[in-house]
């Protein structure tokens, strides 16, 4: 899901569009509302940076933010406790907000 959203954002940002490429319709309503306010390309870059330092924490962001899983579901997927996911999630939100220059960071 992350790659689909980032690819879509990159295409929209590109100066040239079209060519012989097959066009697919992207339903903007499927994007969570808080994602629409954040530049997805910048978010992807920030997630890549986070992943280079804290791989599991980046995975928590992908599962929680992009896939919409709950803390319990994320913990089950990663094979860790709910407390670990909660701590990783809290750290990731602060780290990403600081890196992206978002208010409240």
N, C-alpha and C. Protein backbone atom coordinates (compact mmCIF):
# COMPACT_ATOMS: atom_id res chain seq x y z
N UNK A 1 0.83 -1.18 0.00
CA UNK A 1 0.00 0.00 0.00
C UNK A 1 0.88 1.26 0.00
N UNK A 2 1.94 1.22 0.81
CA UNK A 2 2.83 2.38 0.88
C UNK A 2 3.37 2.72 -0.50
N UNK A 3 3.84 1.71 -1.23
CA UNK A 3 4.44 1.96 -2.53
C UNK A 3 3.42 2.49 -3.53
N UNK A 4 2.20 2.01 -3.45
CA UNK A 4 1.14 2.49 -4.34
C UNK A 4 0.88 3.98 -4.09
N UNK A 5 0.77 4.36 -2.83
CA UNK A 5 0.52 5.76 -2.49
C UNK A 5 1.68 6.65 -2.89
N UNK A 6 2.90 6.19 -2.65
CA UNK A 6 4.08 6.99 -3.01
C UNK A 6 4.20 7.12 -4.52
N UNK A 7 3.99 6.04 -5.25
CA UNK A 7 4.05 6.11 -6.70
C UNK A 7 3.02 7.10 -7.24
N UNK A 8 1.83 7.07 -6.68
CA UNK A 8 0.78 7.99 -7.10
C UNK A 8 1.21 9.44 -6.84
N UNK A 9 1.77 9.69 -5.67
CA UNK A 9 2.21 11.05 -5.33
C UNK A 9 3.34 11.50 -6.26
N UNK A 10 4.25 10.60 -6.60
CA UNK A 10 5.35 10.95 -7.51
C UNK A 10 4.82 11.29 -8.90
N UNK A 11 3.85 10.52 -9.37
CA UNK A 11 3.28 10.79 -10.69
C UNK A 11 2.60 12.15 -10.71
N UNK A 12 1.90 12.48 -9.64
CA UNK A 12 1.22 13.78 -9.57
C UNK A 12 2.22 14.92 -9.51
N UNK A 13 3.37 14.67 -8.92
CA UNK A 13 4.40 15.70 -8.77
C UNK A 13 5.19 15.88 -10.07
N UNK A 14 5.22 14.89 -10.92
CA UNK A 14 6.04 14.91 -12.13
C UNK A 14 5.58 16.02 -13.07
N UNK A 15 6.55 16.62 -13.76
CA UNK A 15 6.25 17.71 -14.70
C UNK A 15 5.56 17.18 -15.95
N UNK A 16 5.96 16.00 -16.40
CA UNK A 16 5.37 15.42 -17.60
C UNK A 16 4.56 14.19 -17.23
N UNK A 17 3.41 14.07 -17.87
CA UNK A 17 2.56 12.90 -17.64
C UNK A 17 2.14 12.36 -19.00
N UNK A 18 1.71 11.13 -18.98
CA UNK A 18 1.14 10.59 -20.21
C UNK A 18 2.05 9.64 -20.92
N UNK A 19 2.21 9.84 -22.22
CA UNK A 19 2.96 8.90 -23.02
C UNK A 19 2.07 7.74 -23.39
N UNK A 20 2.66 6.61 -23.64
CA UNK A 20 1.89 5.43 -24.01
C UNK A 20 1.49 4.59 -22.83
N UNK A 21 1.65 5.12 -21.63
CA UNK A 21 1.37 4.33 -20.42
C UNK A 21 -0.13 4.11 -20.26
N UNK A 22 -0.44 2.97 -19.73
CA UNK A 22 -1.82 2.64 -19.40
C UNK A 22 -2.21 3.41 -18.13
N UNK A 23 -3.32 4.11 -18.16
CA UNK A 23 -3.74 4.90 -17.00
C UNK A 23 -4.70 4.10 -16.14
N UNK A 24 -4.47 4.18 -14.83
CA UNK A 24 -5.36 3.57 -13.85
C UNK A 24 -5.95 4.68 -13.01
N UNK A 25 -7.19 4.51 -12.62
CA UNK A 25 -7.83 5.50 -11.77
C UNK A 25 -7.47 5.22 -10.32
N UNK A 26 -7.09 6.26 -9.60
CA UNK A 26 -6.77 6.14 -8.19
C UNK A 26 -7.88 6.83 -7.41
N UNK A 27 -8.51 6.10 -6.52
CA UNK A 27 -9.62 6.64 -5.76
C UNK A 27 -9.08 7.37 -4.53
N UNK A 28 -9.10 8.71 -4.55
CA UNK A 28 -8.57 9.52 -3.46
C UNK A 28 -9.31 9.25 -2.15
N UNK A 29 -10.54 8.79 -2.23
CA UNK A 29 -11.31 8.52 -1.01
C UNK A 29 -10.73 7.37 -0.21
N UNK A 30 -9.89 6.53 -0.84
CA UNK A 30 -9.28 5.41 -0.13
C UNK A 30 -8.09 5.82 0.73
N UNK A 31 -7.58 7.03 0.51
CA UNK A 31 -6.44 7.53 1.28
C UNK A 31 -6.96 8.09 2.59
N UNK A 32 -6.40 7.66 3.74
CA UNK A 32 -6.83 8.24 5.01
C UNK A 32 -6.69 9.77 4.97
N UNK A 33 -7.61 10.48 5.61
CA UNK A 33 -7.63 11.93 5.52
C UNK A 33 -6.35 12.59 6.01
N UNK A 34 -5.72 12.03 7.05
CA UNK A 34 -4.49 12.65 7.53
C UNK A 34 -3.34 12.45 6.56
N UNK A 35 -3.43 11.44 5.69
CA UNK A 35 -2.40 11.23 4.67
C UNK A 35 -2.48 12.31 3.60
N UNK A 36 -3.69 12.77 3.30
CA UNK A 36 -3.87 13.76 2.25
C UNK A 36 -3.15 15.06 2.60
N UNK A 37 -2.97 15.35 3.89
CA UNK A 37 -2.34 16.58 4.32
C UNK A 37 -0.82 16.48 4.32
N UNK A 38 -0.27 15.30 4.22
CA UNK A 38 1.17 15.10 4.27
C UNK A 38 1.66 14.73 2.87
N UNK A 39 2.75 15.31 2.46
CA UNK A 39 3.34 14.97 1.18
C UNK A 39 3.87 13.54 1.26
N UNK A 40 3.29 12.64 0.49
CA UNK A 40 3.64 11.23 0.57
C UNK A 40 5.07 10.93 0.15
N UNK A 41 5.60 11.71 -0.77
CA UNK A 41 6.98 11.49 -1.19
C UNK A 41 7.92 11.84 -0.04
N UNK A 42 7.65 12.96 0.64
CA UNK A 42 8.45 13.32 1.80
C UNK A 42 8.30 12.29 2.91
N UNK A 43 7.07 11.80 3.11
CA UNK A 43 6.84 10.77 4.12
C UNK A 43 7.61 9.51 3.78
N UNK A 44 7.62 9.12 2.51
CA UNK A 44 8.37 7.93 2.10
C UNK A 44 9.86 8.11 2.36
N UNK A 45 10.39 9.28 2.05
CA UNK A 45 11.80 9.55 2.32
C UNK A 45 12.09 9.47 3.81
N UNK A 46 11.19 10.04 4.62
CA UNK A 46 11.37 10.00 6.07
C UNK A 46 11.28 8.58 6.60
N UNK A 47 10.35 7.79 6.05
CA UNK A 47 10.24 6.39 6.47
C UNK A 47 11.47 5.59 6.09
N UNK A 48 12.03 5.87 4.93
CA UNK A 48 13.27 5.20 4.53
C UNK A 48 14.40 5.53 5.49
N UNK A 49 14.47 6.79 5.90
CA UNK A 49 15.48 7.22 6.88
C UNK A 49 15.26 6.53 8.22
N UNK A 50 14.01 6.50 8.66
CA UNK A 50 13.67 5.81 9.91
C UNK A 50 14.04 4.34 9.83
N UNK A 51 13.73 3.72 8.70
CA UNK A 51 14.00 2.30 8.51
C UNK A 51 15.50 2.00 8.58
N UNK A 52 16.33 2.92 8.12
CA UNK A 52 17.77 2.69 8.17
C UNK A 52 18.30 2.68 9.60
N UNK A 53 17.57 3.30 10.52
CA UNK A 53 17.99 3.33 11.92
C UNK A 53 17.17 2.39 12.80
N UNK A 54 15.88 2.28 12.52
CA UNK A 54 14.96 1.50 13.36
C UNK A 54 13.99 0.74 12.45
N UNK A 55 14.42 -0.41 11.98
CA UNK A 55 13.63 -1.16 11.00
C UNK A 55 12.24 -1.53 11.52
N UNK A 56 12.17 -2.08 12.75
CA UNK A 56 10.87 -2.50 13.28
C UNK A 56 9.94 -1.31 13.45
N UNK A 57 10.47 -0.19 13.89
CA UNK A 57 9.65 1.00 14.10
C UNK A 57 9.06 1.49 12.78
N UNK A 58 9.84 1.44 11.73
CA UNK A 58 9.32 1.83 10.40
C UNK A 58 8.21 0.88 9.97
N UNK A 59 8.37 -0.39 10.27
CA UNK A 59 7.34 -1.38 9.93
C UNK A 59 6.05 -1.10 10.71
N UNK A 60 6.20 -0.68 11.97
CA UNK A 60 5.03 -0.32 12.78
C UNK A 60 4.28 0.83 12.11
N UNK A 61 5.00 1.83 11.62
CA UNK A 61 4.37 2.97 10.94
C UNK A 61 3.62 2.49 9.71
N UNK A 62 4.24 1.64 8.91
CA UNK A 62 3.58 1.13 7.72
C UNK A 62 2.28 0.41 8.07
N UNK A 63 2.35 -0.44 9.07
CA UNK A 63 1.18 -1.24 9.44
C UNK A 63 0.08 -0.38 10.09
N UNK A 64 0.47 0.56 10.94
CA UNK A 64 -0.51 1.39 11.64
C UNK A 64 -1.05 2.49 10.73
N UNK A 65 -0.17 3.25 10.12
CA UNK A 65 -0.55 4.45 9.38
C UNK A 65 -1.08 4.13 7.99
N UNK A 66 -0.38 3.28 7.28
CA UNK A 66 -0.76 3.00 5.89
C UNK A 66 -1.74 1.84 5.75
N UNK A 67 -1.58 0.81 6.57
CA UNK A 67 -2.49 -0.34 6.47
C UNK A 67 -3.68 -0.21 7.41
N UNK A 68 -3.59 0.68 8.40
CA UNK A 68 -4.71 0.92 9.30
C UNK A 68 -4.93 -0.14 10.36
N UNK A 69 -3.88 -0.90 10.68
CA UNK A 69 -4.03 -1.94 11.70
C UNK A 69 -4.06 -1.33 13.09
N UNK A 70 -4.71 -2.03 14.01
CA UNK A 70 -4.71 -1.60 15.40
C UNK A 70 -3.38 -1.97 16.04
N UNK A 71 -3.20 -1.52 17.27
CA UNK A 71 -1.96 -1.86 18.00
C UNK A 71 -1.88 -3.37 18.18
N UNK A 72 -2.99 -3.99 18.57
CA UNK A 72 -2.99 -5.44 18.80
C UNK A 72 -2.71 -6.20 17.49
N UNK A 73 -3.31 -5.77 16.39
CA UNK A 73 -3.07 -6.43 15.11
C UNK A 73 -1.62 -6.27 14.67
N UNK A 74 -1.08 -5.07 14.86
CA UNK A 74 0.31 -4.81 14.50
C UNK A 74 1.25 -5.68 15.33
N UNK A 75 0.98 -5.77 16.62
CA UNK A 75 1.80 -6.60 17.52
C UNK A 75 1.78 -8.06 17.07
N UNK A 76 0.61 -8.53 16.68
CA UNK A 76 0.49 -9.92 16.23
C UNK A 76 1.29 -10.17 14.96
N UNK A 77 1.19 -9.24 14.00
CA UNK A 77 1.92 -9.37 12.74
C UNK A 77 3.42 -9.40 12.98
N UNK A 78 3.90 -8.52 13.88
CA UNK A 78 5.33 -8.40 14.13
C UNK A 78 5.85 -9.40 15.17
N UNK A 79 4.94 -10.05 15.88
CA UNK A 79 5.36 -11.02 16.89
C UNK A 79 5.97 -10.36 18.12
N UNK A 80 5.46 -9.18 18.48
CA UNK A 80 5.93 -8.47 19.66
C UNK A 80 4.72 -8.13 20.53
N UNK A 81 4.99 -7.54 21.71
CA UNK A 81 3.89 -7.19 22.61
C UNK A 81 3.22 -5.89 22.19
N UNK A 82 2.01 -5.70 22.70
CA UNK A 82 1.28 -4.45 22.46
C UNK A 82 2.06 -3.25 22.99
N UNK A 83 2.71 -3.42 24.13
CA UNK A 83 3.49 -2.34 24.74
C UNK A 83 4.64 -1.94 23.82
N UNK A 84 5.30 -2.91 23.21
CA UNK A 84 6.40 -2.62 22.28
C UNK A 84 5.90 -1.82 21.10
N UNK A 85 4.76 -2.22 20.54
CA UNK A 85 4.19 -1.49 19.40
C UNK A 85 3.81 -0.07 19.83
N UNK A 86 3.20 0.07 21.01
CA UNK A 86 2.81 1.39 21.51
C UNK A 86 4.04 2.30 21.65
N UNK A 87 5.11 1.76 22.20
CA UNK A 87 6.34 2.54 22.37
C UNK A 87 6.97 2.90 21.01
N UNK A 88 7.02 1.93 20.11
CA UNK A 88 7.55 2.19 18.76
C UNK A 88 6.71 3.23 18.04
N UNK A 89 5.40 3.13 18.16
CA UNK A 89 4.48 4.05 17.49
C UNK A 89 4.67 5.47 18.02
N UNK A 90 4.77 5.60 19.34
CA UNK A 90 4.98 6.92 19.95
C UNK A 90 6.31 7.53 19.49
N UNK A 91 7.36 6.72 19.50
CA UNK A 91 8.67 7.18 19.05
C UNK A 91 8.63 7.60 17.58
N UNK A 92 8.02 6.77 16.74
CA UNK A 92 7.98 7.03 15.30
C UNK A 92 7.22 8.31 14.99
N UNK A 93 6.10 8.53 15.65
CA UNK A 93 5.32 9.75 15.39
C UNK A 93 6.13 10.99 15.72
N UNK A 94 6.82 10.97 16.85
CA UNK A 94 7.64 12.12 17.25
C UNK A 94 8.81 12.30 16.30
N UNK A 95 9.48 11.21 15.97
CA UNK A 95 10.66 11.26 15.09
C UNK A 95 10.28 11.77 13.71
N UNK A 96 9.20 11.24 13.15
CA UNK A 96 8.76 11.65 11.81
C UNK A 96 8.27 13.09 11.80
N UNK A 97 7.53 13.48 12.83
CA UNK A 97 7.05 14.86 12.90
C UNK A 97 8.22 15.83 12.94
N UNK A 98 9.25 15.48 13.69
CA UNK A 98 10.44 16.33 13.76
C UNK A 98 11.14 16.39 12.40
N UNK A 99 11.31 15.25 11.78
CA UNK A 99 11.99 15.18 10.50
C UNK A 99 11.23 15.91 9.41
N UNK A 100 9.91 15.82 9.44
CA UNK A 100 9.07 16.46 8.42
C UNK A 100 8.73 17.91 8.76
N UNK A 101 9.15 18.35 9.94
CA UNK A 101 8.87 19.73 10.34
C UNK A 101 7.41 20.01 10.59
N UNK A 102 6.69 19.02 11.12
CA UNK A 102 5.26 19.19 11.39
C UNK A 102 5.06 19.86 12.74
N UNK A 103 3.97 20.58 12.92
CA UNK A 103 3.70 21.23 14.21
C UNK A 103 3.54 20.22 15.33
N UNK A 104 3.93 20.61 16.51
CA UNK A 104 3.82 19.73 17.66
C UNK A 104 4.97 18.77 17.81
N UNK A 105 5.99 18.92 16.97
CA UNK A 105 7.14 18.01 17.03
C UNK A 105 8.11 18.44 18.11
